[in-house]
């Protein structure tokens, strides 16, 4: 195994962040002059479209959501809402404890690292400032690729951009978007992050996985031991 492909939300990010997303979205809605619950509903209802870029960048998406809610904001209000949305997104994207340290150690052991995230525009736009960006050799975003997990093209893109075969890749994720089934079917070796210390995180998974992989870890530092398993024993 020469490479590891990571999911982002609930895997690299702190799982607690998902429970805070509704409040943060509601703040954006309030800046736009929209009831927080109404704006949250619009964002939830359009999740599958937003993560494949159907509404464009974050500013264009906020304008589309505002109009969906019956509001046509001024440019200044839209700018303020964009600032609120990106600030909130950074909060939900914050790394889980020891994640940066774990990825650094994996790189030092010679692993190539990729990211494969079902994400909307916020993560893509702010990626250069993300603490994981210097550690990831190949970021693959559904928003940019215009397809979402478990599309086999995403797994193939991650492996290709790392310069390895699918069979040489671990895939590490918390099981949203049927990603582990997709990884298995694509030829990668999936690893479930159970988030045992965050039982509330499971309710925030979209399209939960139906595949129980052979390997699992409760938290990312356990990957350091898992990746020591000789290839002949896998």
C-alpha atoms as a PDB file:
ATOM      1  CA  UNK A   1       0.000   0.000   0.000  1.00  0.00           C
ATOM      2  CA  UNK A   2       1.563   3.232  -1.168  1.00  0.00           C
ATOM      3  CA  UNK A   3      -1.163   5.828  -0.697  1.00  0.00           C
ATOM      4  CA  UNK A   4      -4.072   6.871   1.517  1.00  0.00           C
ATOM      5  CA  UNK A   5      -7.188   8.685   0.306  1.00  0.00           C
ATOM      6  CA  UNK A   6      -9.101  10.574   2.997  1.00  0.00           C
ATOM      7  CA  UNK A   7     -12.658  11.780   3.268  1.00  0.00           C
ATOM      8  CA  UNK A   8     -12.874  15.254   4.809  1.00  0.00           C
ATOM      9  CA  UNK A   9     -15.978  15.929   6.888  1.00  0.00           C
ATOM     10  CA  UNK A  10     -16.163  13.734   9.980  1.00  0.00           C
ATOM     11  CA  UNK A  11     -12.855  12.121   9.038  1.00  0.00           C
ATOM     12  CA  UNK A  12     -10.196  14.822   8.848  1.00  0.00           C
ATOM     13  CA  UNK A  13     -12.460  17.466  10.326  1.00  0.00           C
ATOM     14  CA  UNK A  14     -13.579  17.490  13.943  1.00  0.00           C
ATOM     15  CA  UNK A  15     -16.842  15.477  14.028  1.00  0.00           C
ATOM     16  CA  UNK A  16     -18.272  17.951  16.536  1.00  0.00           C
ATOM     17  CA  UNK A  17     -18.355  20.548  13.781  1.00  0.00           C
ATOM     18  CA  UNK A  18     -21.269  18.887  12.032  1.00  0.00           C
ATOM     19  CA  UNK A  19     -23.550  19.497  15.012  1.00  0.00           C
ATOM     20  CA  UNK A  20     -22.748  23.211  14.770  1.00  0.00           C
ATOM     21  CA  UNK A  21     -23.498  23.564  11.070  1.00  0.00           C
ATOM     22  CA  UNK A  22     -27.183  24.457  11.462  1.00  0.00           C
ATOM     23  CA  UNK A  23     -26.462  27.363  13.795  1.00  0.00           C
ATOM     24  CA  UNK A  24     -23.740  28.677  11.497  1.00  0.00           C
ATOM     25  CA  UNK A  25     -25.938  28.472   8.404  1.00  0.00           C
ATOM     26  CA  UNK A  26     -28.714  30.194  10.299  1.00  0.00           C
ATOM     27  CA  UNK A  27     -26.384  33.119  11.004  1.00  0.00           C
ATOM     28  CA  UNK A  28     -25.766  33.497   7.281  1.00  0.00           C
ATOM     29  CA  UNK A  29     -29.504  33.477   6.676  1.00  0.00           C
ATOM     30  CA  UNK A  30     -30.051  36.182   9.254  1.00  0.00           C
ATOM     31  CA  UNK A  31     -27.457  38.399   7.552  1.00  0.00           C
ATOM     32  CA  UNK A  32     -29.452  37.943   4.343  1.00  0.00           C
ATOM     33  CA  UNK A  33     -32.647  38.894   6.175  1.00  0.00           C
ATOM     34  CA  UNK A  34     -34.013  35.353   6.106  1.00  0.00           C
ATOM     35  CA  UNK A  35     -35.296  33.367   9.061  1.00  0.00           C
ATOM     36  CA  UNK A  36     -32.505  31.031  10.130  1.00  0.00           C
ATOM     37  CA  UNK A  37     -34.661  27.904   9.990  1.00  0.00           C
ATOM     38  CA  UNK A  38     -35.951  28.789   6.526  1.00  0.00           C
ATOM     39  CA  UNK A  39     -32.435  29.337   5.210  1.00  0.00           C
ATOM     40  CA  UNK A  40     -31.229  26.091   6.805  1.00  0.00           C
ATOM     41  CA  UNK A  41     -34.056  24.241   5.074  1.00  0.00           C
ATOM     42  CA  UNK A  42     -33.057  25.686   1.702  1.00  0.00           C
ATOM     43  CA  UNK A  43     -29.436  24.634   2.207  1.00  0.00           C
ATOM     44  CA  UNK A  44     -30.392  21.114   3.260  1.00  0.00           C
ATOM     45  CA  UNK A  45     -32.822  20.688   0.354  1.00  0.00           C
ATOM     46  CA  UNK A  46     -30.145  21.675  -2.169  1.00  0.00           C
ATOM     47  CA  UNK A  47     -27.232  19.725  -0.662  1.00  0.00           C
ATOM     48  CA  UNK A  48     -26.915  17.225  -3.519  1.00  0.00           C
ATOM     49  CA  UNK A  49     -26.945  19.985  -6.102  1.00  0.00           C
ATOM     50  CA  UNK A  50     -24.575  22.281  -4.215  1.00  0.00           C
ATOM     51  CA  UNK A  51     -21.863  19.633  -3.861  1.00  0.00           C
ATOM     52  CA  UNK A  52     -21.687  19.141  -7.620  1.00  0.00           C
ATOM     53  CA  UNK A  53     -21.474  22.861  -8.342  1.00  0.00           C
ATOM     54  CA  UNK A  54     -24.994  23.383  -9.638  1.00  0.00           C
ATOM     55  CA  UNK A  55     -25.201  26.940  -8.252  1.00  0.00           C
ATOM     56  CA  UNK A  56     -21.636  28.089  -8.883  1.00  0.00           C
ATOM     57  CA  UNK A  57     -19.295  29.606  -6.300  1.00  0.00           C
ATOM     58  CA  UNK A  58     -20.250  30.524  -2.748  1.00  0.00           C
ATOM     59  CA  UNK A  59     -21.395  34.040  -3.567  1.00  0.00           C
ATOM     60  CA  UNK A  60     -23.588  32.824  -6.443  1.00  0.00           C
ATOM     61  CA  UNK A  61     -24.933  30.006  -4.283  1.00  0.00           C
ATOM     62  CA  UNK A  62     -25.948  32.381  -1.493  1.00  0.00           C
ATOM     63  CA  UNK A  63     -27.727  34.584  -4.003  1.00  0.00           C
ATOM     64  CA  UNK A  64     -29.581  31.564  -5.396  1.00  0.00           C
ATOM     65  CA  UNK A  65     -30.560  30.412  -1.889  1.00  0.00           C
ATOM     66  CA  UNK A  66     -31.742  33.910  -0.947  1.00  0.00           C
ATOM     67  CA  UNK A  67     -33.936  34.125  -4.032  1.00  0.00           C
ATOM     68  CA  UNK A  68     -35.219  30.632  -3.319  1.00  0.00           C
ATOM     69  CA  UNK A  69     -36.334  32.017   0.050  1.00  0.00           C
ATOM     70  CA  UNK A  70     -37.988  35.055  -1.555  1.00  0.00           C
ATOM     71  CA  UNK A  71     -35.230  37.609  -0.849  1.00  0.00           C
ATOM     72  CA  UNK A  72     -33.143  39.569  -3.357  1.00  0.00           C
ATOM     73  CA  UNK A  73     -30.218  40.947  -1.330  1.00  0.00           C
ATOM     74  CA  UNK A  74     -28.183  44.022  -2.192  1.00  0.00           C
ATOM     75  CA  UNK A  75     -24.521  43.605  -3.127  1.00  0.00           C
ATOM     76  CA  UNK A  76     -23.410  44.861   0.277  1.00  0.00           C
ATOM     77  CA  UNK A  77     -25.695  42.442   2.114  1.00  0.00           C
ATOM     78  CA  UNK A  78     -24.534  39.587  -0.106  1.00  0.00           C
ATOM     79  CA  UNK A  79     -20.906  40.463   0.653  1.00  0.00           C
ATOM     80  CA  UNK A  80     -21.604  40.411   4.387  1.00  0.00           C
ATOM     81  CA  UNK A  81     -23.409  37.081   4.052  1.00  0.00           C
ATOM     82  CA  UNK A  82     -20.491  35.649   2.098  1.00  0.00           C
ATOM     83  CA  UNK A  83     -18.135  36.656   4.889  1.00  0.00           C
ATOM     84  CA  UNK A  84     -20.400  35.022   7.485  1.00  0.00           C
ATOM     85  CA  UNK A  85     -20.730  31.848   5.429  1.00  0.00           C
ATOM     86  CA  UNK A  86     -16.996  31.426   4.886  1.00  0.00           C
ATOM     87  CA  UNK A  87     -16.254  32.121   8.555  1.00  0.00           C
ATOM     88  CA  UNK A  88     -18.792  29.484   9.566  1.00  0.00           C
ATOM     89  CA  UNK A  89     -17.422  27.014   7.024  1.00  0.00           C
ATOM     90  CA  UNK A  90     -13.905  27.372   8.428  1.00  0.00           C
ATOM     91  CA  UNK A  91     -15.281  26.508  11.838  1.00  0.00           C
ATOM     92  CA  UNK A  92     -16.914  23.279  10.636  1.00  0.00           C
ATOM     93  CA  UNK A  93     -13.768  22.413   8.657  1.00  0.00           C
ATOM     94  CA  UNK A  94     -11.411  22.646  11.644  1.00  0.00           C
ATOM     95  CA  UNK A  95      -9.153  19.605  12.069  1.00  0.00           C
ATOM     96  CA  UNK A  96      -9.952  16.848  14.518  1.00  0.00           C
ATOM     97  CA  UNK A  97      -7.383  16.480  17.319  1.00  0.00           C
ATOM     98  CA  UNK A  98      -4.099  14.892  16.184  1.00  0.00           C
ATOM     99  CA  UNK A  99      -5.184  14.798  12.529  1.00  0.00           C
ATOM    100  CA  UNK A 100      -2.481  17.127  11.222  1.00  0.00           C
ATOM    101  CA  UNK A 101       0.116  15.290  13.313  1.00  0.00           C
ATOM    102  CA  UNK A 102      -1.091  11.923  11.976  1.00  0.00           C
ATOM    103  CA  UNK A 103      -0.972  12.975   8.322  1.00  0.00           C
ATOM    104  CA  UNK A 104       2.479  14.452   8.848  1.00  0.00           C
ATOM    105  CA  UNK A 105       3.681  11.133  10.278  1.00  0.00           C
ATOM    106  CA  UNK A 106       2.162   9.198   7.373  1.00  0.00           C
ATOM    107  CA  UNK A 107       3.941  11.413   4.855  1.00  0.00           C
ATOM    108  CA  UNK A 108       7.197  10.875   6.735  1.00  0.00           C
ATOM    109  CA  UNK A 109       6.663   7.134   6.291  1.00  0.00           C
ATOM    110  CA  UNK A 110       6.463   7.639   2.545  1.00  0.00           C
ATOM    111  CA  UNK A 111       2.712   7.512   1.936  1.00  0.00           C
ATOM    112  CA  UNK A 112       1.179   9.653  -0.797  1.00  0.00           C
ATOM    113  CA  UNK A 113      -1.974  11.353   0.485  1.00  0.00           C
ATOM    114  CA  UNK A 114      -5.147  12.404  -1.313  1.00  0.00           C
ATOM    115  CA  UNK A 115      -8.397  14.022  -0.278  1.00  0.00           C
ATOM    116  CA  UNK A 116     -11.727  12.986  -1.799  1.00  0.00           C
ATOM    117  CA  UNK A 117     -14.561  15.117  -0.465  1.00  0.00           C
ATOM    118  CA  UNK A 118     -18.232  15.535  -1.242  1.00  0.00           C
ATOM    119  CA  UNK A 119     -18.186  19.263  -0.578  1.00  0.00           C
ATOM    120  CA  UNK A 120     -19.735  22.539  -1.606  1.00  0.00           C
ATOM    121  CA  UNK A 121     -17.773  25.556  -2.782  1.00  0.00           C
ATOM    122  CA  UNK A 122     -16.599  26.828   0.610  1.00  0.00           C
ATOM    123  CA  UNK A 123     -13.974  24.118   1.146  1.00  0.00           C
ATOM    124  CA  UNK A 124     -12.646  24.485  -2.407  1.00  0.00           C
ATOM    125  CA  UNK A 125     -12.391  28.267  -2.310  1.00  0.00           C
ATOM    126  CA  UNK A 126     -10.571  28.351   1.017  1.00  0.00           C
ATOM    127  CA  UNK A 127      -8.433  25.247   0.426  1.00  0.00           C
ATOM    128  CA  UNK A 128      -5.095  27.136   0.109  1.00  0.00           C
ATOM    129  CA  UNK A 129      -5.600  28.365   3.696  1.00  0.00           C
ATOM    130  CA  UNK A 130      -6.635  24.962   5.057  1.00  0.00           C
ATOM    131  CA  UNK A 131      -4.168  23.372   7.536  1.00  0.00           C
ATOM    132  CA  UNK A 132      -4.347  20.098   5.585  1.00  0.00           C
ATOM    133  CA  UNK A 133      -3.485  21.655   2.213  1.00  0.00           C
ATOM    134  CA  UNK A 134       0.324  21.331   2.591  1.00  0.00           C
ATOM    135  CA  UNK A 135      -0.079  17.640   3.496  1.00  0.00           C
ATOM    136  CA  UNK A 136      -2.390  16.563   0.662  1.00  0.00           C
ATOM    137  CA  UNK A 137      -0.773  15.648  -2.647  1.00  0.00           C
ATOM    138  CA  UNK A 138      -4.016  15.373  -4.610  1.00  0.00           C
ATOM    139  CA  UNK A 139      -7.252  17.090  -3.516  1.00  0.00           C
ATOM    140  CA  UNK A 140     -10.343  15.789  -5.337  1.00  0.00           C
ATOM    141  CA  UNK A 141     -13.502  17.822  -4.728  1.00  0.00           C
ATOM    142  CA  UNK A 142     -16.985  16.797  -5.864  1.00  0.00           C
ATOM    143  CA  UNK A 143     -17.822  20.483  -6.421  1.00  0.00           C
ATOM    144  CA  UNK A 144     -15.005  20.809  -8.930  1.00  0.00           C
ATOM    145  CA  UNK A 145     -15.430  17.368 -10.543  1.00  0.00           C
ATOM    146  CA  UNK A 146     -19.232  17.815 -10.838  1.00  0.00           C
ATOM    147  CA  UNK A 147     -19.894  14.287  -9.523  1.00  0.00           C
ATOM    148  CA  UNK A 148     -20.260  12.873  -6.027  1.00  0.00           C
ATOM    149  CA  UNK A 149     -19.491   9.682  -4.173  1.00  0.00           C
ATOM    150  CA  UNK A 150     -19.640   6.806  -4.797  1.00  0.00           C
ATOM    151  CA  UNK A 151     -18.957   7.587  -8.480  1.00  0.00           C
ATOM    152  CA  UNK A 152     -16.001   5.402  -9.530  1.00  0.00           C
ATOM    153  CA  UNK A 153     -14.513   8.293 -11.484  1.00  0.00           C
ATOM    154  CA  UNK A 154     -13.668  10.073  -8.214  1.00  0.00           C
ATOM    155  CA  UNK A 155     -11.665   7.133  -6.859  1.00  0.00           C
ATOM    156  CA  UNK A 156      -9.897   6.720 -10.183  1.00  0.00           C
ATOM    157  CA  UNK A 157      -9.050  10.425 -10.243  1.00  0.00           C
ATOM    158  CA  UNK A 158      -7.545  10.297  -6.752  1.00  0.00           C
ATOM    159  CA  UNK A 159      -5.341   7.307  -7.573  1.00  0.00           C
ATOM    160  CA  UNK A 160      -4.301   8.698 -10.946  1.00  0.00           C
ATOM    161  CA  UNK A 161      -3.293  12.071  -9.496  1.00  0.00           C
ATOM    162  CA  UNK A 162      -1.258  10.292  -6.837  1.00  0.00           C
ATOM    163  CA  UNK A 163       0.469   8.227  -9.497  1.00  0.00           C
ATOM    164  CA  UNK A 164      -0.546   4.880  -7.973  1.00  0.00           C
ATOM    165  CA  UNK A 165      -2.987   2.085  -8.772  1.00  0.00           C
ATOM    166  CA  UNK A 166      -6.342   1.797  -7.043  1.00  0.00           C
ATOM    167  CA  UNK A 167      -5.165  -1.432  -5.403  1.00  0.00           C
ATOM    168  CA  UNK A 168      -2.307   0.447  -3.736  1.00  0.00           C
ATOM    169  CA  UNK A 169      -4.658   2.813  -1.888  1.00  0.00           C
ATOM    170  CA  UNK A 170      -6.254   2.740   1.518  1.00  0.00           C
ATOM    171  CA  UNK A 171      -9.508   4.727   1.609  1.00  0.00           C
ATOM    172  CA  UNK A 172     -10.296   6.260   5.006  1.00  0.00           C
ATOM    173  CA  UNK A 173     -13.741   7.677   5.801  1.00  0.00           C
ATOM    174  CA  UNK A 174     -16.604   7.820   8.277  1.00  0.00           C
ATOM    175  CA  UNK A 175     -19.067   6.151   5.937  1.00  0.00           C
ATOM    176  CA  UNK A 176     -21.083   9.025   4.476  1.00  0.00           C
ATOM    177  CA  UNK A 177     -22.059   9.109   0.816  1.00  0.00           C
ATOM    178  CA  UNK A 178     -21.676   5.303   0.547  1.00  0.00           C
ATOM    179  CA  UNK A 179     -17.977   6.063   0.188  1.00  0.00           C
ATOM    180  CA  UNK A 180     -16.663   2.807   1.664  1.00  0.00           C
ATOM    181  CA  UNK A 181     -18.736   0.684  -0.706  1.00  0.00           C
ATOM    182  CA  UNK A 182     -17.526   2.864  -3.537  1.00  0.00           C
ATOM    183  CA  UNK A 183     -13.903   2.454  -2.451  1.00  0.00           C
ATOM    184  CA  UNK A 184     -14.279  -1.322  -2.202  1.00  0.00           C
ATOM    185  CA  UNK A 185     -15.926  -1.581  -5.613  1.00  0.00           C
ATOM    186  CA  UNK A 186     -13.257   0.646  -7.157  1.00  0.00           C
ATOM    187  CA  UNK A 187     -10.489  -1.606  -5.873  1.00  0.00           C
ATOM    188  CA  UNK A 188      -9.238   0.400  -2.895  1.00  0.00           C
ATOM    189  CA  UNK A 189      -9.005  -1.014   0.629  1.00  0.00           C
ATOM    190  CA  UNK A 190     -11.565   0.841   2.780  1.00  0.00           C
ATOM    191  CA  UNK A 191     -11.074   1.772   6.432  1.00  0.00           C
ATOM    192  CA  UNK A 192     -14.001   2.972   8.546  1.00  0.00           C
ATOM    193  CA  UNK A 193     -13.427   5.782  11.037  1.00  0.00           C
ATOM    194  CA  UNK A 194     -15.998   4.855  13.682  1.00  0.00           C
ATOM    195  CA  UNK A 195     -15.903   8.168  15.569  1.00  0.00           C
ATOM    196  CA  UNK A 196     -16.630   6.150  18.700  1.00  0.00           C
ATOM    197  CA  UNK A 197     -16.006   9.225  20.847  1.00  0.00           C
ATOM    198  CA  UNK A 198     -18.578  11.183  18.817  1.00  0.00           C
ATOM    199  CA  UNK A 199     -21.755   9.041  18.662  1.00  0.00           C
ATOM    200  CA  UNK A 200     -23.803  12.091  17.664  1.00  0.00           C
ATOM    201  CA  UNK A 201     -21.875  12.367  14.384  1.00  0.00           C
ATOM    202  CA  UNK A 202     -23.700   9.456  12.738  1.00  0.00           C
ATOM    203  CA  UNK A 203     -26.946  11.400  12.394  1.00  0.00           C
ATOM    204  CA  UNK A 204     -25.240  13.921  10.120  1.00  0.00           C
ATOM    205  CA  UNK A 205     -24.051  11.424   7.498  1.00  0.00           C
ATOM    206  CA  UNK A 206     -25.791  11.788   4.151  1.00  0.00           C
ATOM    207  CA  UNK A 207     -26.427   8.476   2.355  1.00  0.00           C
ATOM    208  CA  UNK A 208     -24.870   6.322   5.101  1.00  0.00           C
ATOM    209  CA  UNK A 209     -22.753   3.421   3.948  1.00  0.00           C
ATOM    210  CA  UNK A 210     -24.038  -0.141   3.694  1.00  0.00           C
ATOM    211  CA  UNK A 211     -20.550  -1.634   3.520  1.00  0.00           C
ATOM    212  CA  UNK A 212     -18.804  -2.851   6.668  1.00  0.00           C
ATOM    213  CA  UNK A 213     -15.107  -2.921   5.805  1.00  0.00           C
ATOM    214  CA  UNK A 214     -12.602  -5.377   7.175  1.00  0.00           C
ATOM    215  CA  UNK A 215     -10.594  -2.609   8.811  1.00  0.00           C
ATOM    216  CA  UNK A 216     -11.726   0.150  11.158  1.00  0.00           C
ATOM    217  CA  UNK A 217     -10.214   2.711  13.514  1.00  0.00           C
ATOM    218  CA  UNK A 218     -11.877   4.786  16.209  1.00  0.00           C
ATOM    219  CA  UNK A 219      -9.605   7.762  15.542  1.00  0.00           C
ATOM    220  CA  UNK A 220      -6.938   8.724  13.012  1.00  0.00           C
ATOM    221  CA  UNK A 221      -3.780   8.046  15.058  1.00  0.00           C
ATOM    222  CA  UNK A 222      -4.660   4.339  14.914  1.00  0.00           C
ATOM    223  CA  UNK A 223      -3.820   4.466  11.199  1.00  0.00           C
ATOM    224  CA  UNK A 224      -0.153   4.605  12.142  1.00  0.00           C
ATOM    225  CA  UNK A 225      -0.388   1.039  13.446  1.00  0.00           C
ATOM    226  CA  UNK A 226      -2.728  -0.184  10.711  1.00  0.00           C
ATOM    227  CA  UNK A 227      -0.404   0.981   7.974  1.00  0.00           C
ATOM    228  CA  UNK A 228       2.392  -1.157   9.388  1.00  0.00           C
ATOM    229  CA  UNK A 229       0.562  -4.352   8.364  1.00  0.00           C
ATOM    230  CA  UNK A 230       2.699  -6.124   5.729  1.00  0.00           C
ATOM    231  CA  UNK A 231       1.070  -6.289   2.310  1.00  0.00           C
ATOM    232  CA  UNK A 232       1.232 -10.107   2.402  1.00  0.00           C
ATOM    233  CA  UNK A 233      -1.105 -10.102   5.423  1.00  0.00           C
ATOM    234  CA  UNK A 234      -3.766  -7.863   3.891  1.00  0.00           C
END
